[in-house]
């Protein structure tokens, strides 16, 4: 059986190397003028953007801003952070496996554990822009927090200094999560409180020990909050600003987000199609027939059924276009998770110990709690998003891939069947590889050509883009240079959800360059409050539908006399949609 372990470990290493090489290759390819442009403008001018988003960006801007970083730099930061956070989670997951599942050689090395975690962590690259954003920061922080939680629940008799340091680190990470995405931070804080309560019930520490651990976590959060206050503004002032924004964006404070979450959940459930619903039932039966003393012929039959079932899931995933359709790509992962649950459930029933006194209840409690944490993370991570949950949950599948690994190791420990373990993990690698390649390379997000077909490079940024994006940017640049003296950090405002235009043209934008009915009231208020100077030179990119009267009145109040003092210098085709943009400049700038 060692030969199977060696072969699969080589497969895991190959998967990691291929994935990292693919992500490195893509660093200078593709640019989304919509979302990716928005994230980069948040990093460059955080004070002009949403309070909930700009908090983390203002920190990153303070750390890296002096370097005058570009697109590739922030992509590299995200890639390195994703790899390191996956290593951290894999490290603590390996310790949990060794302590709570098996004390002997299980056929799973740290390399395999990392490959499984990493396969879920990189899935966000298949549906989102590849620069760093509050979404990708949330994924990275959740990996670190989950690793820290696993470390805490897995420790029985720790060194006091080490466990205090763990709680201190957890406090810092939790505060970072609030900075990155406050809605996820709120719900994650409740989960951490549940974790602390679980640990206290399990170990029954003295009140002094319990209070010490809580105190170290609070000290970590407070120290990080104080640092934030020096970089940004007093933390309570920031929270007040965020709550005001939420009220304007939802119209009814937190109730608006809760209602939106319910609608998104209902929509997501309606979109999930289970054409292989019989697979978990079949694998449950396989589990019922799995014992350590199974004959070779029985093992071959069980392995063949597992292989056929997972092959059918992969076939369905490709046939149903799950990889290129955002709304359905979650389906194969749900099926694999259900298949693993069915297999383990059957094995538990078949191998249930006759003498319950032999069962280590604390060991099982830790394992069940860890499984529960991994299951709920994608649900917590999606809270507060504008996207349907079937899309957003893809970001956090490092958790479900880890959950599948633990379930399969339980099955292996109960039955001794390692081949089934390797086959199911191989299916995870196959689907992750296909989805990453098809979603990122063949069908990149809001980019009209595959990444390997891009041949035109944007000025200054050294990034290859599709023809439509290049032509749009090039035409606007030529029009502006012909008609006016274009300066760096020239005030510009796009009304077409294309903040990337302003970023590529090296402009700056007052208020939020984003257009959605649910946030227009805050968008208008942010423009009215902008501290940006030089708006008398503001260049406008305007669609045929024009600009709303409310927004025009605010522009007039800020000294931007549109439309009376503006002239169109030309039109360019929108790179994403089938209409044209008018390039409007103040008459005073015309040559």
Protein backbone atom coordinates (compact mmCIF):
# COMPACT_ATOMS: atom_id res chain seq x y z
CA UNK A 1 0.00 0.00 0.00
CA UNK A 2 3.01 2.30 0.45
CA UNK A 3 3.32 2.54 -3.32
CA UNK A 4 -0.15 4.13 -3.48
CA UNK A 5 0.86 6.63 -0.81
CA UNK A 6 4.01 7.53 -2.72
CA UNK A 7 2.16 7.91 -6.03
CA UNK A 8 -0.56 10.08 -4.51
CA UNK A 9 1.96 12.27 -2.71
CA UNK A 10 3.66 12.90 -6.05
CA UNK A 11 0.26 13.78 -7.54
CA UNK A 12 -0.35 16.25 -4.70
CA UNK A 13 3.05 17.88 -5.24
CA UNK A 14 2.41 18.08 -9.00
CA UNK A 15 -0.99 19.70 -8.38
CA UNK A 16 0.55 22.34 -6.10
CA UNK A 17 3.41 23.11 -8.49
CA UNK A 18 1.08 23.32 -11.51
CA UNK A 19 -1.39 25.56 -9.65
CA UNK A 20 1.26 27.95 -8.35
CA UNK A 21 2.96 28.06 -11.79
CA UNK A 22 -0.41 28.86 -13.42
CA UNK A 23 -1.09 31.68 -10.95
CA UNK A 24 2.41 33.12 -11.42
CA UNK A 25 1.99 32.93 -15.21
CA UNK A 26 -1.30 34.87 -14.95
CA UNK A 27 0.13 37.75 -12.90
CA UNK A 28 0.62 40.04 -15.91
CA UNK A 29 -2.46 38.92 -17.84
CA UNK A 30 -5.98 40.33 -17.91
CA UNK A 31 -7.55 43.34 -16.25
CA UNK A 32 -11.18 43.82 -15.28
CA UNK A 33 -12.12 47.49 -15.62
CA UNK A 34 -15.09 46.91 -13.33
CA UNK A 35 -14.45 45.04 -10.04
CA UNK A 36 -10.66 44.88 -10.21
CA UNK A 37 -10.49 48.56 -11.09
CA UNK A 38 -12.75 49.30 -8.12
CA UNK A 39 -10.52 47.37 -5.69
CA UNK A 40 -7.39 49.11 -6.95
CA UNK A 41 -8.98 52.56 -6.72
CA UNK A 42 -9.98 51.70 -3.14
CA UNK A 43 -6.34 50.94 -2.42
CA UNK A 44 -5.11 54.13 -4.08
CA UNK A 45 -7.75 56.57 -2.74
CA UNK A 46 -9.39 54.85 0.27
CA UNK A 47 -10.97 58.03 1.66
CA UNK A 48 -13.22 58.29 -1.40
CA UNK A 49 -14.75 54.82 -1.05
CA UNK A 50 -17.20 52.88 1.12
CA UNK A 51 -16.27 52.92 4.80
CA UNK A 52 -16.76 49.16 5.11
CA UNK A 53 -14.38 48.50 2.19
CA UNK A 54 -11.90 51.32 2.63
CA UNK A 55 -10.96 50.37 6.21
CA UNK A 56 -8.77 47.47 5.14
CA UNK A 57 -7.62 49.28 2.03
CA UNK A 58 -6.49 52.29 4.02
CA UNK A 59 -4.28 49.97 6.09
CA UNK A 60 -2.81 48.33 2.99
CA UNK A 61 -2.38 51.71 1.35
CA UNK A 62 -0.46 52.96 4.39
CA UNK A 63 1.80 49.90 4.39
CA UNK A 64 2.52 49.71 0.65
CA UNK A 65 1.54 53.16 -0.70
CA UNK A 66 5.06 54.61 -0.51
CA UNK A 67 6.14 51.98 -3.05
CA UNK A 68 3.63 53.38 -5.59
CA UNK A 69 2.53 49.78 -6.31
CA UNK A 70 0.66 48.70 -9.42
CA UNK A 71 -1.59 45.86 -10.52
CA UNK A 72 1.04 43.11 -10.51
CA UNK A 73 2.35 44.06 -7.06
CA UNK A 74 -1.03 43.56 -5.36
CA UNK A 75 -1.56 40.31 -7.24
CA UNK A 76 1.75 39.04 -5.91
CA UNK A 77 0.79 40.09 -2.36
CA UNK A 78 -2.43 38.12 -2.64
CA UNK A 79 -0.74 35.01 -4.07
CA UNK A 80 1.96 34.90 -1.39
CA UNK A 81 -0.61 35.48 1.37
CA UNK A 82 -2.84 32.71 0.01
CA UNK A 83 0.03 30.20 -0.04
CA UNK A 84 1.23 31.10 3.48
CA UNK A 85 -2.26 31.02 5.02
CA UNK A 86 -2.86 27.61 3.40
CA UNK A 87 0.41 26.35 4.88
CA UNK A 88 -0.66 27.61 8.32
CA UNK A 89 -4.06 25.90 8.18
CA UNK A 90 -2.54 22.68 6.80
CA UNK A 91 -0.01 22.64 9.65
CA UNK A 92 -2.69 22.72 12.37
CA UNK A 93 -5.00 20.42 10.43
CA UNK A 94 -2.20 17.83 10.28
CA UNK A 95 -1.81 18.04 14.05
CA UNK A 96 -5.56 17.51 14.50
CA UNK A 97 -5.44 14.47 12.21
CA UNK A 98 -2.55 12.92 14.13
CA UNK A 99 -4.05 13.61 17.56
CA UNK A 100 -7.76 12.94 17.02
CA UNK A 101 -8.03 10.51 14.10
CA UNK A 102 -5.00 8.25 14.20
CA UNK A 103 -1.81 7.88 16.19
CA UNK A 104 -0.15 5.79 13.54
CA UNK A 105 0.89 6.31 9.93
CA UNK A 106 -2.31 7.19 8.08
CA UNK A 107 -0.93 7.59 4.60
CA UNK A 108 -1.44 11.35 4.70
CA UNK A 109 1.54 13.69 4.84
CA UNK A 110 1.62 17.44 5.43
CA UNK A 111 2.15 17.88 1.68
CA UNK A 112 -1.13 16.12 0.89
CA UNK A 113 -2.96 18.10 3.57
CA UNK A 114 -1.58 21.35 2.13
CA UNK A 115 -2.59 20.33 -1.40
CA UNK A 116 -6.17 19.67 -0.27
CA UNK A 117 -6.43 23.00 1.60
CA UNK A 118 -4.78 24.89 -1.26
CA UNK A 119 -7.11 23.31 -3.83
CA UNK A 120 -10.02 25.04 -2.11
CA UNK A 121 -8.20 28.29 -1.38
CA UNK A 122 -7.34 29.01 -5.04
CA UNK A 123 -10.90 28.51 -6.31
CA UNK A 124 -11.58 32.21 -5.76
CA UNK A 125 -9.25 32.91 -8.69
CA UNK A 126 -11.75 31.20 -11.00
CA UNK A 127 -14.54 33.75 -10.46
CA UNK A 128 -12.98 36.97 -9.18
CA UNK A 129 -10.27 39.42 -10.27
CA UNK A 130 -6.85 38.33 -9.12
CA UNK A 131 -5.79 41.48 -7.27
CA UNK A 132 -6.10 41.67 -3.51
CA UNK A 133 -9.47 42.88 -2.20
CA UNK A 134 -11.58 42.74 0.93
CA UNK A 135 -12.96 39.40 -0.36
CA UNK A 136 -9.55 37.77 -0.83
CA UNK A 137 -8.30 39.24 2.48
CA UNK A 138 -11.33 37.67 4.19
CA UNK A 139 -10.43 34.26 2.71
CA UNK A 140 -6.82 34.57 3.91
CA UNK A 141 -7.83 35.67 7.42
CA UNK A 142 -10.44 32.93 7.76
CA UNK A 143 -7.80 30.32 6.92
CA UNK A 144 -5.57 31.74 9.66
CA UNK A 145 -8.43 31.95 12.17
CA UNK A 146 -9.63 28.41 11.45
CA UNK A 147 -6.06 27.20 11.89
CA UNK A 148 -5.87 29.03 15.21
CA UNK A 149 -9.22 27.59 16.38
CA UNK A 150 -8.09 24.07 15.48
CA UNK A 151 -4.86 24.68 17.41
CA UNK A 152 -6.83 25.76 20.49
CA UNK A 153 -9.38 22.91 20.52
CA UNK A 154 -6.67 20.34 19.75
CA UNK A 155 -4.56 21.25 22.76
CA UNK A 156 -5.15 19.29 25.99
CA UNK A 157 -2.21 20.08 28.24
CA UNK A 158 -0.47 23.02 26.62
CA UNK A 159 2.38 25.12 27.80
CA UNK A 160 0.73 28.18 29.33
CA UNK A 161 2.83 30.66 27.34
CA UNK A 162 1.97 28.93 24.06
CA UNK A 163 -1.79 28.84 24.66
CA UNK A 164 -1.80 32.48 25.83
CA UNK A 165 0.04 33.43 22.64
CA UNK A 166 -2.58 31.50 20.64
CA UNK A 167 -5.42 33.47 22.22
CA UNK A 168 -3.52 36.74 21.72
CA UNK A 169 -3.05 35.91 18.04
CA UNK A 170 -6.73 34.99 17.73
CA UNK A 171 -7.69 38.42 19.07
CA UNK A 172 -5.45 40.16 16.53
CA UNK A 173 -6.80 38.06 13.65
CA UNK A 174 -10.41 38.66 14.68
CA UNK A 175 -9.84 42.41 14.72
CA UNK A 176 -8.22 42.15 11.28
CA UNK A 177 -11.32 40.33 10.06
CA UNK A 178 -13.51 43.19 11.30
CA UNK A 179 -11.30 45.53 9.27
CA UNK A 180 -11.55 43.38 6.13
CA UNK A 181 -15.28 42.55 6.25
CA UNK A 182 -17.23 43.62 9.30
CA UNK A 183 -20.27 41.38 8.71
CA UNK A 184 -18.12 38.22 8.65
CA UNK A 185 -16.16 39.52 11.66
CA UNK A 186 -19.36 39.87 13.73
CA UNK A 187 -20.53 36.31 13.07
CA UNK A 188 -17.03 34.88 13.42
CA UNK A 189 -16.75 36.47 16.88
CA UNK A 190 -19.81 34.47 17.95
CA UNK A 191 -18.21 31.29 16.61
CA UNK A 192 -15.04 32.03 18.58
CA UNK A 193 -17.10 32.49 21.76
CA UNK A 194 -18.68 29.08 21.11
CA UNK A 195 -15.17 27.65 20.66
CA UNK A 196 -14.00 29.09 23.97
CA UNK A 197 -17.08 27.74 25.73
CA UNK A 198 -16.55 24.30 24.15
CA UNK A 199 -12.94 24.22 25.31
CA UNK A 200 -13.90 25.22 28.85
CA UNK A 201 -16.51 22.45 29.02
CA UNK A 202 -14.04 19.92 27.65
CA UNK A 203 -11.05 20.78 29.84
CA UNK A 204 -12.83 22.34 32.84
CA UNK A 205 -10.07 24.89 33.54
CA UNK A 206 -10.10 27.05 36.63
CA UNK A 207 -11.76 30.45 36.40
CA UNK A 208 -8.32 32.02 36.64
CA UNK A 209 -7.11 30.12 33.58
CA UNK A 210 -10.33 30.84 31.69
CA UNK A 211 -10.16 34.58 32.42
CA UNK A 212 -6.46 34.67 31.52
CA UNK A 213 -7.13 33.17 28.09
CA UNK A 214 -10.02 35.57 27.40
CA UNK A 215 -7.88 38.47 28.58
CA UNK A 216 -5.05 37.63 26.18
CA UNK A 217 -7.51 37.51 23.28
CA UNK A 218 -8.93 40.91 24.26
CA UNK A 219 -5.42 42.34 24.69
CA UNK A 220 -4.57 41.23 21.13
CA UNK A 221 -7.72 42.90 19.77
CA UNK A 222 -7.13 46.10 21.78
CA UNK A 223 -3.46 46.45 20.79
CA UNK A 224 -4.31 46.02 17.11
CA UNK A 225 -7.18 48.52 17.50
CA UNK A 226 -4.80 51.09 18.98
CA UNK A 227 -2.42 50.63 16.06
CA UNK A 228 -5.36 51.10 13.68
CA UNK A 229 -6.29 54.33 15.41
CA UNK A 230 -2.86 55.78 14.62
CA UNK A 231 -2.98 54.64 10.98
CA UNK A 232 -6.60 55.48 10.27
CA UNK A 233 -8.95 57.06 12.84
CA UNK A 234 -10.30 56.11 16.31
CA UNK A 235 -11.92 52.73 15.99
CA UNK A 236 -15.31 53.71 17.43
CA UNK A 237 -15.47 56.59 14.96
CA UNK A 238 -14.88 54.10 12.15
CA UNK A 239 -17.65 51.80 13.42
CA UNK A 240 -20.05 54.75 13.57
CA UNK A 241 -19.20 55.68 9.98
CA UNK A 242 -19.77 52.10 8.83
CA UNK A 243 -23.17 51.87 10.55
CA UNK A 244 -24.26 55.13 8.92
CA UNK A 245 -23.23 53.75 5.56
CA UNK A 246 -25.08 50.47 6.12
CA UNK A 247 -28.23 52.40 6.92
CA UNK A 248 -27.97 54.37 3.68
CA UNK A 249 -27.12 51.32 1.59
CA UNK A 250 -29.86 49.03 2.95
CA UNK A 251 -32.45 51.57 4.02
CA UNK A 252 -33.12 49.65 7.23
CA UNK A 253 -29.84 49.03 9.03
CA UNK A 254 -28.84 45.39 9.57
CA UNK A 255 -32.34 44.11 8.77
CA UNK A 256 -31.68 44.95 5.14
CA UNK A 257 -28.66 42.63 5.04
CA UNK A 258 -30.52 39.84 6.85
CA UNK A 259 -33.37 40.09 4.35
CA UNK A 260 -30.93 40.11 1.44
CA UNK A 261 -29.13 37.07 2.86
CA UNK A 262 -32.43 35.15 3.07
CA UNK A 263 -33.33 36.05 -0.52
CA UNK A 264 -29.87 35.03 -1.72
CA UNK A 265 -30.06 31.74 0.20
CA UNK A 266 -33.44 30.91 -1.36
CA UNK A 267 -32.15 31.79 -4.81
CA UNK A 268 -29.01 29.70 -4.28
CA UNK A 269 -30.95 26.63 -3.17
CA UNK A 270 -33.16 26.96 -6.24
CA UNK A 271 -30.09 27.00 -8.51
CA UNK A 272 -28.42 23.92 -7.01
CA UNK A 273 -29.15 20.88 -9.16
CA UNK A 274 -28.48 17.41 -7.80
CA UNK A 275 -28.52 15.12 -10.82
CA UNK A 276 -26.27 12.66 -8.97
CA UNK A 277 -28.42 12.57 -5.82
CA UNK A 278 -28.11 8.77 -5.75
CA UNK A 279 -24.31 8.90 -5.22
CA UNK A 280 -24.39 9.60 -1.43
CA UNK A 281 -26.95 6.80 -0.96
CA UNK A 282 -24.83 4.38 -2.97
CA UNK A 283 -21.67 5.28 -1.06
CA UNK A 284 -23.56 4.95 2.22
CA UNK A 285 -24.21 1.33 1.21
CA UNK A 286 -20.51 0.94 0.34
CA UNK A 287 -19.66 2.21 3.82
CA UNK A 288 -22.08 -0.29 5.38
CA UNK A 289 -20.13 -3.10 3.73
CA UNK A 290 -16.70 -1.74 4.68
CA UNK A 291 -14.77 -3.35 7.51
CA UNK A 292 -11.08 -3.81 8.20
CA UNK A 293 -11.28 -7.53 7.52
CA UNK A 294 -12.78 -7.15 4.05
CA UNK A 295 -11.40 -9.50 1.44
CA UNK A 296 -9.40 -8.30 -1.54
CA UNK A 297 -12.34 -8.89 -3.90
CA UNK A 298 -14.65 -6.86 -1.64
CA UNK A 299 -12.11 -4.02 -1.53
CA UNK A 300 -11.83 -4.01 -5.33
CA UNK A 301 -15.63 -3.91 -5.70
CA UNK A 302 -16.02 -1.06 -3.19
CA UNK A 303 -13.19 0.91 -4.82
CA UNK A 304 -14.72 0.42 -8.26
CA UNK A 305 -18.08 1.79 -7.08
CA UNK A 306 -16.40 4.83 -5.49
CA UNK A 307 -14.35 5.46 -8.64
CA UNK A 308 -17.41 5.15 -10.92
CA UNK A 309 -19.53 7.44 -8.73
CA UNK A 310 -16.92 10.20 -8.56
CA UNK A 311 -16.18 9.85 -12.26
CA UNK A 312 -19.88 10.46 -12.91
CA UNK A 313 -19.80 13.61 -10.74
CA UNK A 314 -16.82 14.93 -12.71
CA UNK A 315 -18.59 14.05 -15.98
CA UNK A 316 -21.73 15.90 -14.87
CA UNK A 317 -19.66 18.90 -13.80
CA UNK A 318 -18.09 19.18 -17.26
CA UNK A 319 -21.30 18.37 -19.16
CA UNK A 320 -23.39 20.87 -17.20
CA UNK A 321 -20.77 23.60 -17.67
CA UNK A 322 -20.38 24.00 -13.91
CA UNK A 323 -16.92 25.47 -14.32
CA UNK A 324 -17.78 28.45 -16.51
CA UNK A 325 -21.24 29.21 -15.10
CA UNK A 326 -20.93 31.06 -11.80
CA UNK A 327 -24.32 29.96 -10.56
CA UNK A 328 -23.72 26.22 -10.83
CA UNK A 329 -20.02 25.69 -10.17
CA UNK A 330 -20.69 24.96 -6.49
CA UNK A 331 -22.67 21.81 -7.38
CA UNK A 332 -19.77 19.33 -7.85
CA UNK A 333 -18.30 20.32 -4.48
CA UNK A 334 -21.63 19.81 -2.74
CA UNK A 335 -21.89 16.38 -4.38
CA UNK A 336 -18.38 15.36 -3.29
CA UNK A 337 -19.08 16.55 0.25
CA UNK A 338 -22.35 14.58 0.36
CA UNK A 339 -20.58 11.53 -1.09
CA UNK A 340 -17.94 11.70 1.66
CA UNK A 341 -20.63 12.10 4.33
CA UNK A 342 -22.51 9.09 2.95
CA UNK A 343 -19.39 6.94 2.84
CA UNK A 344 -18.38 7.81 6.41
CA UNK A 345 -21.91 7.43 7.79
CA UNK A 346 -22.12 3.91 6.41
CA UNK A 347 -18.68 2.99 7.77
CA UNK A 348 -19.58 4.34 11.24
CA UNK A 349 -22.76 2.25 11.33
CA UNK A 350 -20.91 -0.85 10.15
CA UNK A 351 -18.01 -0.45 12.59
CA UNK A 352 -19.82 1.04 15.57
CA UNK A 353 -18.02 -0.19 18.70
CA UNK A 354 -19.87 -2.72 20.78
CA UNK A 355 -18.26 -1.48 23.97
CA UNK A 356 -18.96 2.27 24.21
CA UNK A 357 -16.72 2.53 27.26
CA UNK A 358 -13.73 2.09 24.95
CA UNK A 359 -14.59 5.27 23.06
CA UNK A 360 -12.54 8.36 23.90
CA UNK A 361 -15.41 10.83 24.21
CA UNK A 362 -13.19 13.92 24.44
CA UNK A 363 -11.34 12.85 21.32
CA UNK A 364 -14.60 12.40 19.40
CA UNK A 365 -15.97 15.70 20.74
CA UNK A 366 -12.91 17.59 19.45
CA UNK A 367 -13.19 15.92 16.07
CA UNK A 368 -16.93 16.61 15.71
CA UNK A 369 -16.45 20.24 16.75
CA UNK A 370 -13.65 20.63 14.18
CA UNK A 371 -15.87 19.14 11.48
CA UNK A 372 -18.64 21.57 12.44
CA UNK A 373 -16.29 24.56 12.23
CA UNK A 374 -15.14 23.56 8.75
CA UNK A 375 -18.71 23.04 7.56
CA UNK A 376 -20.02 26.43 8.68
CA UNK A 377 -17.17 28.65 7.44
CA UNK A 378 -18.51 29.14 3.86
CA UNK A 379 -21.88 30.12 5.34
CA UNK A 380 -20.30 32.72 7.66
CA UNK A 381 -17.96 33.97 4.94
CA UNK A 382 -20.81 34.79 2.55
CA UNK A 383 -22.75 36.93 5.04
CA UNK A 384 -23.07 40.55 3.95
CA UNK A 385 -22.29 39.98 0.28
CA UNK A 386 -24.06 41.44 -2.75
CA UNK A 387 -23.55 38.25 -4.74
CA UNK A 388 -25.72 35.11 -4.66
CA UNK A 389 -24.38 32.60 -2.14
CA UNK A 390 -23.74 30.03 -4.86
CA UNK A 391 -21.07 32.41 -6.18
CA UNK A 392 -19.67 33.78 -2.94
CA UNK A 393 -19.36 30.39 -1.21
CA UNK A 394 -16.75 29.35 -3.81
CA UNK A 395 -14.35 31.76 -2.11
CA UNK A 396 -14.31 29.72 1.10
CA UNK A 397 -14.14 26.13 -0.16
CA UNK A 398 -10.76 25.63 1.51
CA UNK A 399 -13.01 24.76 4.43
CA UNK A 400 -15.10 22.13 2.67
CA UNK A 401 -12.07 20.56 0.99
CA UNK A 402 -10.52 20.23 4.46
CA UNK A 403 -13.80 18.79 5.75
CA UNK A 404 -13.82 16.16 2.99
CA UNK A 405 -10.24 15.22 3.92
CA UNK A 406 -11.13 14.67 7.60
CA UNK A 407 -14.23 12.65 6.73
CA UNK A 408 -12.26 10.40 4.39
CA UNK A 409 -9.56 9.86 7.00
CA UNK A 410 -12.24 8.76 9.46
CA UNK A 411 -13.46 6.29 6.82
CA UNK A 412 -9.89 5.04 6.29
CA UNK A 413 -9.32 4.65 10.02
CA UNK A 414 -12.54 2.64 10.41
CA UNK A 415 -12.10 0.40 7.37
CA UNK A 416 -8.40 0.45 6.43
CA UNK A 417 -9.39 1.39 2.84
CA UNK A 418 -6.82 3.95 1.67
CA UNK A 419 -7.56 3.55 -2.03
CA UNK A 420 -11.04 5.05 -1.59
CA UNK A 421 -9.41 7.97 0.24
CA UNK A 422 -6.97 8.61 -2.60
CA UNK A 423 -9.66 8.33 -5.29
CA UNK A 424 -11.95 10.87 -3.62
CA UNK A 425 -9.12 13.33 -2.96
CA UNK A 426 -7.99 12.88 -6.55
CA UNK A 427 -11.48 13.93 -7.69
CA UNK A 428 -11.11 17.11 -5.58
CA UNK A 429 -7.81 17.90 -7.34
CA UNK A 430 -9.30 17.21 -10.78
CA UNK A 431 -12.32 19.47 -10.26
CA UNK A 432 -10.21 22.23 -8.68
CA UNK A 433 -7.71 22.13 -11.56
CA UNK A 434 -10.42 22.19 -14.23
CA UNK A 435 -12.37 24.95 -12.53
CA UNK A 436 -9.28 27.10 -11.97
CA UNK A 437 -8.11 26.72 -15.56
CA UNK A 438 -11.50 27.12 -17.22
CA UNK A 439 -12.69 29.89 -14.90
CA UNK A 440 -9.45 31.90 -14.83
CA UNK A 441 -7.79 31.20 -18.20
CA UNK A 442 -10.55 30.25 -20.66
CA UNK A 443 -13.41 32.34 -19.25
CA UNK A 444 -11.78 35.11 -17.18
CA UNK A 445 -14.15 37.37 -15.27
CA UNK A 446 -15.45 40.22 -17.49
CA UNK A 447 -12.57 39.80 -19.93
CA UNK A 448 -13.57 39.12 -23.54
CA UNK A 449 -10.65 36.83 -24.47
CA UNK A 450 -8.89 33.87 -22.84
CA UNK A 451 -5.76 34.84 -20.91
CA UNK A 452 -3.49 32.88 -23.25
CA UNK A 453 -4.79 34.91 -26.22
CA UNK A 454 -4.01 38.35 -24.79
CA UNK A 455 -1.30 40.19 -26.75
CA UNK A 456 -1.76 43.93 -26.09
CA UNK A 457 -0.13 45.57 -23.10
CA UNK A 458 -1.52 48.51 -21.12
CA UNK A 459 0.78 51.52 -20.76
CA UNK A 460 2.64 51.89 -17.43
CA UNK A 461 1.08 48.78 -15.87
CA UNK A 462 2.80 46.12 -18.03
CA UNK A 463 -0.37 44.03 -18.03
CA UNK A 464 -1.73 42.27 -21.12
CA UNK A 465 -5.44 42.92 -21.77
CA UNK A 466 -8.13 41.91 -24.25
CA UNK A 467 -8.64 43.88 -27.48
CA UNK A 468 -11.83 45.64 -26.30
CA UNK A 469 -10.20 46.95 -23.14
CA UNK A 470 -7.05 48.03 -24.95
CA UNK A 471 -8.97 49.81 -27.70
CA UNK A 472 -11.21 51.62 -25.20
CA UNK A 473 -8.28 52.84 -23.08
CA UNK A 474 -6.19 53.74 -26.14
CA UNK A 475 -9.00 55.73 -27.80
CA UNK A 476 -9.79 57.68 -24.61
CA UNK A 477 -6.09 58.43 -24.05
CA UNK A 478 -5.65 59.72 -27.61
CA UNK A 479 -8.79 61.88 -27.43
CA UNK A 480 -7.72 63.46 -24.16
CA UNK A 481 -4.15 64.12 -25.31
CA UNK A 482 -5.41 65.74 -28.52
CA UNK A 483 -7.90 68.05 -26.80
CA UNK A 484 -6.42 68.89 -23.37
CA UNK A 485 -3.21 68.83 -21.35
CA UNK A 486 -3.63 65.57 -19.40
CA UNK A 487 -1.89 65.49 -16.01
CA UNK A 488 -1.17 62.66 -13.59
CA UNK A 489 -3.85 62.32 -10.89
CA UNK A 490 -6.23 64.35 -13.04
CA UNK A 491 -9.77 64.35 -11.54
CA UNK A 492 -12.01 61.93 -13.48
CA UNK A 493 -15.41 60.38 -12.83
CA UNK A 494 -16.87 57.37 -14.58
CA UNK A 495 -20.65 56.85 -14.50
CA UNK A 496 -20.50 53.38 -16.09
CA UNK A 497 -19.18 51.04 -13.37
CA UNK A 498 -15.69 51.19 -14.91
CA UNK A 499 -13.40 52.54 -12.18
CA UNK A 500 -10.56 50.75 -13.94
CA UNK A 501 -10.64 53.39 -16.67
CA UNK A 502 -9.69 56.08 -14.17
CA UNK A 503 -7.05 53.82 -12.63
CA UNK A 504 -5.38 52.98 -15.96
CA UNK A 505 -5.44 56.65 -17.01
CA UNK A 506 -3.66 57.44 -13.71
CA UNK A 507 -6.51 59.68 -12.61
CA UNK A 508 -8.22 60.24 -9.28
CA UNK A 509 -11.93 60.10 -8.66
CA UNK A 510 -14.16 61.97 -6.18
CA UNK A 511 -16.70 59.85 -4.35
CA UNK A 512 -17.54 56.30 -5.30
CA UNK A 513 -17.21 55.36 -8.96
CA UNK A 514 -19.93 52.77 -8.81
CA UNK A 515 -23.52 52.71 -9.93
CA UNK A 516 -26.17 50.55 -8.29
CA UNK A 517 -29.65 51.67 -7.30
CA UNK A 518 -29.34 50.30 -3.75
CA UNK A 519 -26.30 52.51 -3.00
CA UNK A 520 -27.05 55.66 -4.98
CA UNK A 521 -28.05 57.64 -1.85
CA UNK A 522 -24.70 56.93 -0.17
CA UNK A 523 -22.86 57.48 -3.44
CA UNK A 524 -24.39 60.96 -3.75
CA UNK A 525 -23.63 61.77 -0.12
CA UNK A 526 -20.01 60.65 -0.52
CA UNK A 527 -19.61 62.95 -3.53
CA UNK A 528 -21.06 65.85 -1.51
CA UNK A 529 -18.53 65.20 1.27
CA UNK A 530 -15.42 64.55 -0.85
CA UNK A 531 -12.35 66.51 0.27
CA UNK A 532 -10.79 66.22 -3.20
CA UNK A 533 -9.60 69.51 -4.69
CA UNK A 534 -9.37 70.61 -8.31
CA UNK A 535 -12.85 69.41 -9.32
CA UNK A 536 -13.17 72.33 -11.74
CA UNK A 537 -10.97 70.14 -14.02
CA UNK A 538 -13.17 67.04 -13.60
CA UNK A 539 -13.43 64.83 -16.71
CA UNK A 540 -16.65 62.80 -17.03
CA UNK A 541 -17.26 59.48 -18.84
CA UNK A 542 -21.01 59.55 -19.47
CA UNK A 543 -23.36 56.94 -21.03
CA UNK A 544 -26.29 57.83 -23.32
CA UNK A 545 -28.65 57.55 -20.34
CA UNK A 546 -26.83 60.54 -18.86
CA UNK A 547 -26.41 61.42 -15.18
CA UNK A 548 -29.25 61.57 -12.64
CA UNK A 549 -30.58 65.03 -11.73
CA UNK A 550 -29.66 64.52 -8.07
CA UNK A 551 -26.08 63.71 -8.96
CA UNK A 552 -25.87 66.65 -11.36
CA UNK A 553 -27.09 69.02 -8.66
CA UNK A 554 -24.37 67.80 -6.28
CA UNK A 555 -21.75 68.21 -9.01
CA UNK A 556 -22.96 71.78 -9.50
CA UNK A 557 -22.69 72.43 -5.76
CA UNK A 558 -19.08 71.21 -5.87
CA UNK A 559 -18.29 73.72 -8.65
CA UNK A 560 -18.61 71.20 -11.50
CA UNK A 561 -20.93 73.11 -13.86
CA UNK A 562 -22.24 70.21 -15.88
CA UNK A 563 -23.65 70.20 -18.53
CA UNK A 564 -23.52 73.93 -19.38
CA UNK A 565 -19.73 74.32 -19.16
CA UNK A 566 -18.88 70.93 -20.70
CA UNK A 567 -18.26 69.69 -24.23
CA UNK A 568 -17.97 66.20 -25.69
CA UNK A 569 -14.62 65.50 -27.33
CA UNK A 570 -15.74 62.13 -28.72
CA UNK A 571 -17.28 58.75 -28.02
CA UNK A 572 -15.78 55.31 -27.40
CA UNK A 573 -17.38 51.90 -27.27
CA UNK A 574 -17.95 50.50 -23.78
CA UNK A 575 -15.60 47.48 -23.41
CA UNK A 576 -18.19 45.34 -21.60
CA UNK A 577 -21.60 46.42 -22.91
CA UNK A 578 -23.06 47.41 -26.26
CA UNK A 579 -23.22 51.19 -25.96
CA UNK A 580 -20.91 54.18 -26.22
CA UNK A 581 -19.44 56.55 -23.66
CA UNK A 582 -19.18 60.28 -24.20
CA UNK A 583 -15.94 61.89 -23.04
CA UNK A 584 -17.01 65.16 -21.44
CA UNK A 585 -14.39 67.77 -20.49
CA UNK A 586 -14.70 71.33 -19.07
CA UNK A 587 -14.58 74.00 -21.77
CA UNK A 588 -11.79 75.74 -19.85
CA UNK A 589 -9.45 72.76 -20.48
CA UNK A 590 -9.92 72.69 -24.26
CA UNK A 591 -6.96 73.77 -26.35
